[in-house]
N, C-alpha and C. Protein backbone atom coordinates (compact mmCIF):
# COMPACT_ATOMS: atom_id res chain seq x y z
N MET A 1 81.73 86.71 99.70
CA MET A 1 82.41 87.82 100.32
C MET A 1 82.99 88.66 99.31
N ARG A 2 82.61 89.93 99.48
CA ARG A 2 83.21 91.05 98.47
C ARG A 2 84.46 91.58 98.99
N GLY A 3 85.38 91.60 98.22
CA GLY A 3 86.68 92.24 98.49
C GLY A 3 86.84 93.65 98.56
N LEU A 4 87.76 94.12 99.24
CA LEU A 4 87.83 95.73 99.29
C LEU A 4 88.09 96.36 97.86
N PRO A 5 87.56 97.45 97.54
CA PRO A 5 87.68 97.82 96.27
C PRO A 5 89.29 98.38 96.15
N ASN A 6 89.63 98.23 94.95
CA ASN A 6 91.08 98.67 94.67
C ASN A 6 91.00 100.07 94.50
N VAL A 7 92.08 100.79 94.87
CA VAL A 7 92.38 102.18 94.77
C VAL A 7 93.65 102.48 94.11
N MET A 8 93.97 103.57 93.46
CA MET A 8 95.07 103.90 92.97
C MET A 8 95.50 105.23 93.33
N TYR A 9 96.87 105.36 93.78
CA TYR A 9 97.26 106.68 94.01
C TYR A 9 97.77 107.38 92.57
N VAL A 10 97.13 108.42 92.46
CA VAL A 10 97.25 109.19 91.01
C VAL A 10 98.16 110.74 91.48
N GLY A 11 98.60 110.78 92.43
CA GLY A 11 99.30 111.80 92.92
C GLY A 11 100.97 111.67 92.15
N PRO A 12 101.73 112.75 92.32
CA PRO A 12 103.25 112.69 91.84
C PRO A 12 103.86 111.71 92.73
N THR A 13 104.79 110.99 92.39
CA THR A 13 105.81 110.10 93.08
C THR A 13 106.74 111.15 93.99
N ILE A 14 106.85 110.70 95.32
CA ILE A 14 107.79 111.20 96.29
C ILE A 14 108.26 110.14 97.14
N VAL A 15 109.42 109.44 96.59
CA VAL A 15 109.88 108.28 97.21
C VAL A 15 110.16 108.33 98.72
N ALA A 16 110.62 109.53 99.27
CA ALA A 16 110.96 109.68 100.44
C ALA A 16 109.60 109.70 101.37
N LEU A 17 108.49 109.81 100.87
CA LEU A 17 107.32 109.74 101.58
C LEU A 17 106.61 108.45 101.39
N GLY A 18 107.17 107.60 100.43
CA GLY A 18 106.51 106.27 100.16
C GLY A 18 105.37 106.44 99.11
N LEU A 19 105.25 107.54 98.47
CA LEU A 19 104.16 107.96 97.49
C LEU A 19 104.67 107.59 96.04
N LYS A 20 104.20 106.46 95.26
CA LYS A 20 104.69 106.23 94.13
C LYS A 20 103.33 106.34 93.21
N GLN A 21 103.29 107.16 92.01
CA GLN A 21 102.14 107.39 91.29
C GLN A 21 101.72 106.03 90.54
N ASN A 22 100.61 105.71 90.48
CA ASN A 22 100.01 104.84 89.81
C ASN A 22 100.06 103.30 90.60
N THR A 23 100.42 103.57 91.95
CA THR A 23 100.52 102.35 92.72
C THR A 23 98.98 101.82 93.11
N ILE A 24 98.67 100.80 92.95
CA ILE A 24 97.10 100.19 93.45
C ILE A 24 97.43 99.42 94.95
N TYR A 25 96.26 99.69 95.62
CA TYR A 25 96.17 99.04 96.89
C TYR A 25 94.68 98.51 96.98
N ARG A 26 94.59 97.28 97.65
CA ARG A 26 93.33 96.79 97.95
C ARG A 26 92.59 97.44 98.92
N GLY A 27 92.16 98.65 98.64
CA GLY A 27 91.27 99.74 99.59
C GLY A 27 92.28 100.39 100.28
N LEU A 28 91.77 101.44 100.97
CA LEU A 28 92.56 102.37 101.77
C LEU A 28 93.23 101.71 103.00
N GLU A 29 92.31 100.66 103.46
CA GLU A 29 92.90 99.83 104.58
C GLU A 29 94.14 99.26 104.11
N ALA A 30 94.57 98.72 102.96
CA ALA A 30 95.66 98.11 102.71
C ALA A 30 96.90 99.09 102.49
N MET A 31 96.63 100.45 102.68
CA MET A 31 97.89 101.12 102.62
C MET A 31 98.85 101.10 103.77
N PRO A 32 100.03 101.25 103.40
CA PRO A 32 101.26 101.32 104.52
C PRO A 32 100.85 102.15 105.62
N PRO A 33 101.39 101.83 106.82
CA PRO A 33 101.11 102.90 107.83
C PRO A 33 101.70 104.15 107.75
N GLN A 34 102.80 104.44 107.19
CA GLN A 34 103.30 105.77 106.92
C GLN A 34 102.39 106.57 105.87
N LEU A 35 101.84 105.90 104.97
CA LEU A 35 100.72 106.67 104.10
C LEU A 35 99.49 106.87 104.84
N VAL A 36 98.95 105.90 105.61
CA VAL A 36 97.80 106.27 106.61
C VAL A 36 98.19 107.57 107.51
N ASN A 37 99.28 107.46 108.09
CA ASN A 37 99.63 108.89 108.92
C ASN A 37 99.62 109.87 108.04
N LEU A 38 100.25 109.97 106.96
CA LEU A 38 100.30 111.03 106.02
C LEU A 38 98.96 111.65 105.64
N VAL A 39 97.99 110.92 105.29
CA VAL A 39 96.69 111.15 104.93
C VAL A 39 95.96 111.77 106.29
N ASN A 40 96.19 111.16 107.36
CA ASN A 40 95.70 111.81 108.76
C ASN A 40 96.10 113.07 108.90
N VAL A 41 97.48 113.42 108.58
CA VAL A 41 97.95 114.84 108.67
C VAL A 41 97.47 115.82 107.52
N LYS A 42 97.44 115.06 106.42
CA LYS A 42 96.83 116.07 105.38
C LYS A 42 95.77 115.36 104.71
N PRO A 43 94.56 115.29 105.15
CA PRO A 43 93.50 114.54 104.81
C PRO A 43 93.14 114.85 103.36
N MET A 44 93.47 116.01 102.70
CA MET A 44 93.11 116.26 101.33
C MET A 44 93.87 115.31 100.29
N LEU A 45 94.85 114.66 101.02
CA LEU A 45 95.49 113.68 100.23
C LEU A 45 94.73 112.37 99.86
N ALA A 46 93.88 112.25 100.72
CA ALA A 46 93.04 111.05 100.44
C ALA A 46 92.18 110.95 99.06
N SER A 47 91.93 112.19 98.43
CA SER A 47 91.39 112.29 97.33
C SER A 47 92.37 111.77 95.85
N LEU A 48 93.64 111.72 96.40
CA LEU A 48 94.42 111.07 95.32
C LEU A 48 94.65 109.67 95.24
N PHE A 49 93.89 109.07 96.25
CA PHE A 49 93.70 107.58 96.24
C PHE A 49 92.21 107.21 95.71
N VAL A 50 92.17 107.04 94.43
CA VAL A 50 90.98 106.66 94.07
C VAL A 50 90.43 105.44 93.42
N PRO A 51 89.25 105.04 93.52
CA PRO A 51 88.81 103.76 93.05
C PRO A 51 89.04 103.56 91.56
N THR A 52 89.67 102.30 91.45
CA THR A 52 90.31 102.08 89.97
C THR A 52 89.14 102.37 88.82
N VAL A 53 87.97 102.36 89.25
CA VAL A 53 87.06 102.65 88.14
C VAL A 53 86.73 104.03 87.79
N LYS A 54 87.40 104.88 88.80
CA LYS A 54 87.21 106.50 88.59
C LYS A 54 88.67 107.09 88.23
N ILE A 55 89.51 106.35 87.75
CA ILE A 55 90.95 106.65 87.40
C ILE A 55 90.93 107.88 86.39
N ALA A 56 90.10 107.62 85.16
CA ALA A 56 90.04 108.56 84.26
C ALA A 56 89.51 109.88 84.61
N GLU A 57 88.41 109.88 85.48
CA GLU A 57 87.96 110.93 86.06
C GLU A 57 88.81 111.75 86.91
N ALA A 58 89.48 111.01 87.75
CA ALA A 58 90.52 111.77 88.76
C ALA A 58 91.58 112.36 87.96
N LYS A 59 92.17 111.81 87.05
CA LYS A 59 93.16 112.38 86.31
C LYS A 59 92.83 113.44 85.43
N LYS A 60 91.72 113.42 84.98
CA LYS A 60 91.04 114.77 84.46
C LYS A 60 90.95 115.90 85.24
N ASN A 61 90.24 115.49 86.57
CA ASN A 61 90.34 116.61 87.57
C ASN A 61 91.46 117.11 88.20
N ILE A 62 92.55 116.33 88.11
CA ILE A 62 93.90 116.75 88.36
C ILE A 62 94.37 118.06 87.72
N MET A 63 93.97 118.11 86.31
CA MET A 63 94.37 118.90 85.35
C MET A 63 93.10 120.20 85.39
N THR A 64 92.16 120.19 86.16
CA THR A 64 91.14 121.12 86.29
C THR A 64 91.42 122.10 87.66
N ASN A 65 91.61 123.26 87.32
CA ASN A 65 92.01 124.20 88.53
C ASN A 65 90.72 124.21 89.42
N GLY A 66 91.10 124.06 90.70
CA GLY A 66 90.14 124.17 91.80
C GLY A 66 89.42 123.02 92.15
N THR A 67 89.59 121.85 91.26
CA THR A 67 89.21 120.54 91.91
C THR A 67 89.85 120.09 93.21
N ILE A 68 89.21 119.25 93.91
CA ILE A 68 89.94 118.66 95.00
C ILE A 68 91.02 117.90 94.74
N GLU A 69 91.11 117.19 93.66
CA GLU A 69 92.22 116.52 93.01
C GLU A 69 93.44 117.51 92.68
N ASN A 70 92.90 118.53 92.13
CA ASN A 70 93.91 119.47 91.71
C ASN A 70 94.60 120.07 92.80
N LEU A 71 93.83 120.40 93.83
CA LEU A 71 94.33 121.08 95.08
C LEU A 71 95.32 120.04 95.73
N ALA A 72 94.86 119.09 95.88
CA ALA A 72 95.60 117.91 96.68
C ALA A 72 96.99 117.64 95.78
N PHE A 73 96.79 117.70 94.52
CA PHE A 73 98.08 117.35 93.64
C PHE A 73 99.01 118.54 93.97
N SER A 74 98.66 119.57 94.06
CA SER A 74 99.44 120.79 94.42
C SER A 74 100.05 120.81 95.82
N GLU A 75 99.23 120.32 96.56
CA GLU A 75 99.77 120.16 98.07
C GLU A 75 100.91 119.05 98.10
N VAL A 76 100.93 118.04 97.34
CA VAL A 76 101.90 117.25 97.23
C VAL A 76 103.27 117.78 96.59
N ILE A 77 102.97 118.47 95.40
CA ILE A 77 104.04 119.10 94.94
C ILE A 77 104.74 120.26 95.96
N LYS A 78 104.06 120.81 96.64
CA LYS A 78 104.52 121.83 97.62
C LYS A 78 105.29 120.81 98.86
N MET A 79 104.60 119.89 99.13
CA MET A 79 105.56 118.87 100.01
C MET A 79 106.87 118.67 99.38
N MET A 80 106.79 118.18 98.21
CA MET A 80 108.03 117.68 97.59
C MET A 80 109.18 118.82 97.52
N LYS A 81 108.70 120.11 97.16
CA LYS A 81 109.56 121.11 97.20
C LYS A 81 110.24 121.45 98.46
N GLY A 82 109.31 121.27 99.46
CA GLY A 82 109.87 121.54 100.79
C GLY A 82 110.93 120.66 101.40
N GLN A 83 110.89 119.56 100.66
CA GLN A 83 111.91 118.52 101.25
C GLN A 83 113.20 118.63 100.55
N ARG A 84 113.42 119.51 99.62
CA ARG A 84 114.65 119.57 98.88
C ARG A 84 115.71 120.55 99.68
């Protein structure tokens, strides 16, 4: 039996939302319910939960304007600023 692929959250840490950069989950199904709800409300954020074999590519894409990872990262930053 093959296990769920590990995914890592590569976005910025926002403690109030339960988002901690570099946290590894045993697949998206293993995410806490509050994060599942957040991704359901903001589907773009799913692109910040990447398979561990694609971490380097995702981190590069975060720094590349216009990529889905870059846009999602910016969305999280906007959410963080809105909570202040």
